[in-house]
């Protein structure tokens, strides 16, 4: 699977646009699945990101998994060499 991480994702807009893009859709077909991880510590922004990325995940027909981690990005919990893109 392709794993994309955004540190400080605010409302999740960048990851949502990326997930909806033709490029990521084509990549997903090649790798079978895409995982998006959004790190957002702001308690006002994290719910918005969760809602938006949940909607995008629902539209993906199973090839996309999205999660919001309500903390600052530290890299803890990510497997070594498991992230393909960090923004």
C-alpha atoms as a PDB file:
ATOM      1  CA  UNK A   1       0.000   0.000   0.000  1.00  0.00           C
ATOM      2  CA  UNK A   2       0.918   3.623  -0.553  1.00  0.00           C
ATOM      3  CA  UNK A   3       1.063   5.590   2.733  1.00  0.00           C
ATOM      4  CA  UNK A   4       0.786   9.383   2.772  1.00  0.00           C
ATOM      5  CA  UNK A   5       1.182  11.385   5.985  1.00  0.00           C
ATOM      6  CA  UNK A   6       0.383  15.044   6.525  1.00  0.00           C
ATOM      7  CA  UNK A   7       1.694  16.711   9.665  1.00  0.00           C
ATOM      8  CA  UNK A   8      -0.607  19.542  10.681  1.00  0.00           C
ATOM      9  CA  UNK A   9      -3.404  18.746   8.257  1.00  0.00           C
ATOM     10  CA  UNK A  10      -5.864  21.381   9.612  1.00  0.00           C
ATOM     11  CA  UNK A  11      -9.243  20.495   8.097  1.00  0.00           C
ATOM     12  CA  UNK A  12      -7.846  17.768   5.841  1.00  0.00           C
ATOM     13  CA  UNK A  13      -8.324  19.710   2.603  1.00  0.00           C
ATOM     14  CA  UNK A  14      -4.942  18.891   1.033  1.00  0.00           C
ATOM     15  CA  UNK A  15      -5.319  15.165   1.650  1.00  0.00           C
ATOM     16  CA  UNK A  16      -8.928  15.239   0.408  1.00  0.00           C
ATOM     17  CA  UNK A  17      -7.945  16.957  -2.848  1.00  0.00           C
ATOM     18  CA  UNK A  18      -5.028  14.572  -3.259  1.00  0.00           C
ATOM     19  CA  UNK A  19      -7.269  11.561  -2.675  1.00  0.00           C
ATOM     20  CA  UNK A  20      -9.775  12.796  -5.248  1.00  0.00           C
ATOM     21  CA  UNK A  21      -7.087  13.482  -7.835  1.00  0.00           C
ATOM     22  CA  UNK A  22      -6.757  11.393 -10.953  1.00  0.00           C
ATOM     23  CA  UNK A  23      -3.082  10.757 -10.193  1.00  0.00           C
ATOM     24  CA  UNK A  24      -3.792   9.127  -6.843  1.00  0.00           C
ATOM     25  CA  UNK A  25      -6.650   7.116  -8.334  1.00  0.00           C
ATOM     26  CA  UNK A  26      -4.291   5.734 -10.973  1.00  0.00           C
ATOM     27  CA  UNK A  27      -1.644   5.006  -8.332  1.00  0.00           C
ATOM     28  CA  UNK A  28      -4.214   3.224  -6.176  1.00  0.00           C
ATOM     29  CA  UNK A  29      -5.022   0.861  -9.020  1.00  0.00           C
ATOM     30  CA  UNK A  30      -1.339  -0.042  -9.252  1.00  0.00           C
ATOM     31  CA  UNK A  31      -0.762  -0.531  -5.522  1.00  0.00           C
ATOM     32  CA  UNK A  32      -4.275  -1.724  -4.598  1.00  0.00           C
ATOM     33  CA  UNK A  33      -4.620   0.529  -1.568  1.00  0.00           C
ATOM     34  CA  UNK A  34      -3.765   3.951  -0.220  1.00  0.00           C
ATOM     35  CA  UNK A  35      -3.500   4.958   3.420  1.00  0.00           C
ATOM     36  CA  UNK A  36      -3.782   8.609   4.462  1.00  0.00           C
ATOM     37  CA  UNK A  37      -2.733   9.680   7.956  1.00  0.00           C
ATOM     38  CA  UNK A  38      -3.590  13.186   9.097  1.00  0.00           C
ATOM     39  CA  UNK A  39      -1.892  14.478  12.242  1.00  0.00           C
ATOM     40  CA  UNK A  40      -3.813  17.401  13.732  1.00  0.00           C
ATOM     41  CA  UNK A  41      -3.489  18.447  17.380  1.00  0.00           C
ATOM     42  CA  UNK A  42      -5.928  21.390  17.231  1.00  0.00           C
ATOM     43  CA  UNK A  43      -9.163  20.190  18.868  1.00  0.00           C
ATOM     44  CA  UNK A  44     -11.182  22.556  16.658  1.00  0.00           C
ATOM     45  CA  UNK A  45      -9.665  21.366  13.372  1.00  0.00           C
ATOM     46  CA  UNK A  46      -9.363  17.597  13.943  1.00  0.00           C
ATOM     47  CA  UNK A  47     -13.146  16.924  13.808  1.00  0.00           C
ATOM     48  CA  UNK A  48     -13.409  18.788  10.496  1.00  0.00           C
ATOM     49  CA  UNK A  49     -10.562  16.705   9.085  1.00  0.00           C
ATOM     50  CA  UNK A  50     -12.187  13.503  10.363  1.00  0.00           C
ATOM     51  CA  UNK A  51     -15.480  14.411   8.696  1.00  0.00           C
ATOM     52  CA  UNK A  52     -13.959  15.391   5.347  1.00  0.00           C
ATOM     53  CA  UNK A  53     -11.582  12.441   5.109  1.00  0.00           C
ATOM     54  CA  UNK A  54     -14.369  10.096   6.186  1.00  0.00           C
ATOM     55  CA  UNK A  55     -16.466  11.335   3.274  1.00  0.00           C
ATOM     56  CA  UNK A  56     -13.586  10.860   0.843  1.00  0.00           C
ATOM     57  CA  UNK A  57     -12.935   7.365   2.206  1.00  0.00           C
ATOM     58  CA  UNK A  58     -16.604   6.461   1.740  1.00  0.00           C
ATOM     59  CA  UNK A  59     -16.446   7.558  -1.901  1.00  0.00           C
ATOM     60  CA  UNK A  60     -13.290   5.533  -2.583  1.00  0.00           C
ATOM     61  CA  UNK A  61     -15.008   2.154  -2.924  1.00  0.00           C
ATOM     62  CA  UNK A  62     -12.537   0.527  -0.558  1.00  0.00           C
ATOM     63  CA  UNK A  63      -9.145   1.465  -2.004  1.00  0.00           C
ATOM     64  CA  UNK A  64      -8.564   4.315   0.468  1.00  0.00           C
ATOM     65  CA  UNK A  65      -8.152   4.233   4.240  1.00  0.00           C
ATOM     66  CA  UNK A  66      -7.969   7.563   6.070  1.00  0.00           C
ATOM     67  CA  UNK A  67      -7.314   8.315   9.717  1.00  0.00           C
ATOM     68  CA  UNK A  68      -6.930  11.419  11.812  1.00  0.00           C
ATOM     69  CA  UNK A  69      -4.440  11.286  14.667  1.00  0.00           C
ATOM     70  CA  UNK A  70      -5.255  13.973  17.218  1.00  0.00           C
ATOM     71  CA  UNK A  71      -1.706  14.836  18.200  1.00  0.00           C
ATOM     72  CA  UNK A  72       1.405  16.533  16.928  1.00  0.00           C
ATOM     73  CA  UNK A  73       3.385  14.540  14.397  1.00  0.00           C
ATOM     74  CA  UNK A  74       6.207  12.654  16.079  1.00  0.00           C
ATOM     75  CA  UNK A  75       6.528   9.600  13.874  1.00  0.00           C
ATOM     76  CA  UNK A  76       5.687   7.333  16.800  1.00  0.00           C
ATOM     77  CA  UNK A  77       3.550   4.434  15.667  1.00  0.00           C
ATOM     78  CA  UNK A  78       4.702   4.547  12.057  1.00  0.00           C
ATOM     79  CA  UNK A  79       6.689   1.571  10.887  1.00  0.00           C
ATOM     80  CA  UNK A  80      10.192   2.326   9.539  1.00  0.00           C
ATOM     81  CA  UNK A  81      10.188   2.914   5.775  1.00  0.00           C
ATOM     82  CA  UNK A  82       6.388   2.705   5.682  1.00  0.00           C
ATOM     83  CA  UNK A  83       5.684   6.281   4.592  1.00  0.00           C
ATOM     84  CA  UNK A  84       5.878   7.200   0.921  1.00  0.00           C
ATOM     85  CA  UNK A  85       5.086  10.923   1.148  1.00  0.00           C
ATOM     86  CA  UNK A  86       5.100  13.385   4.056  1.00  0.00           C
ATOM     87  CA  UNK A  87       3.693  16.853   3.639  1.00  0.00           C
END
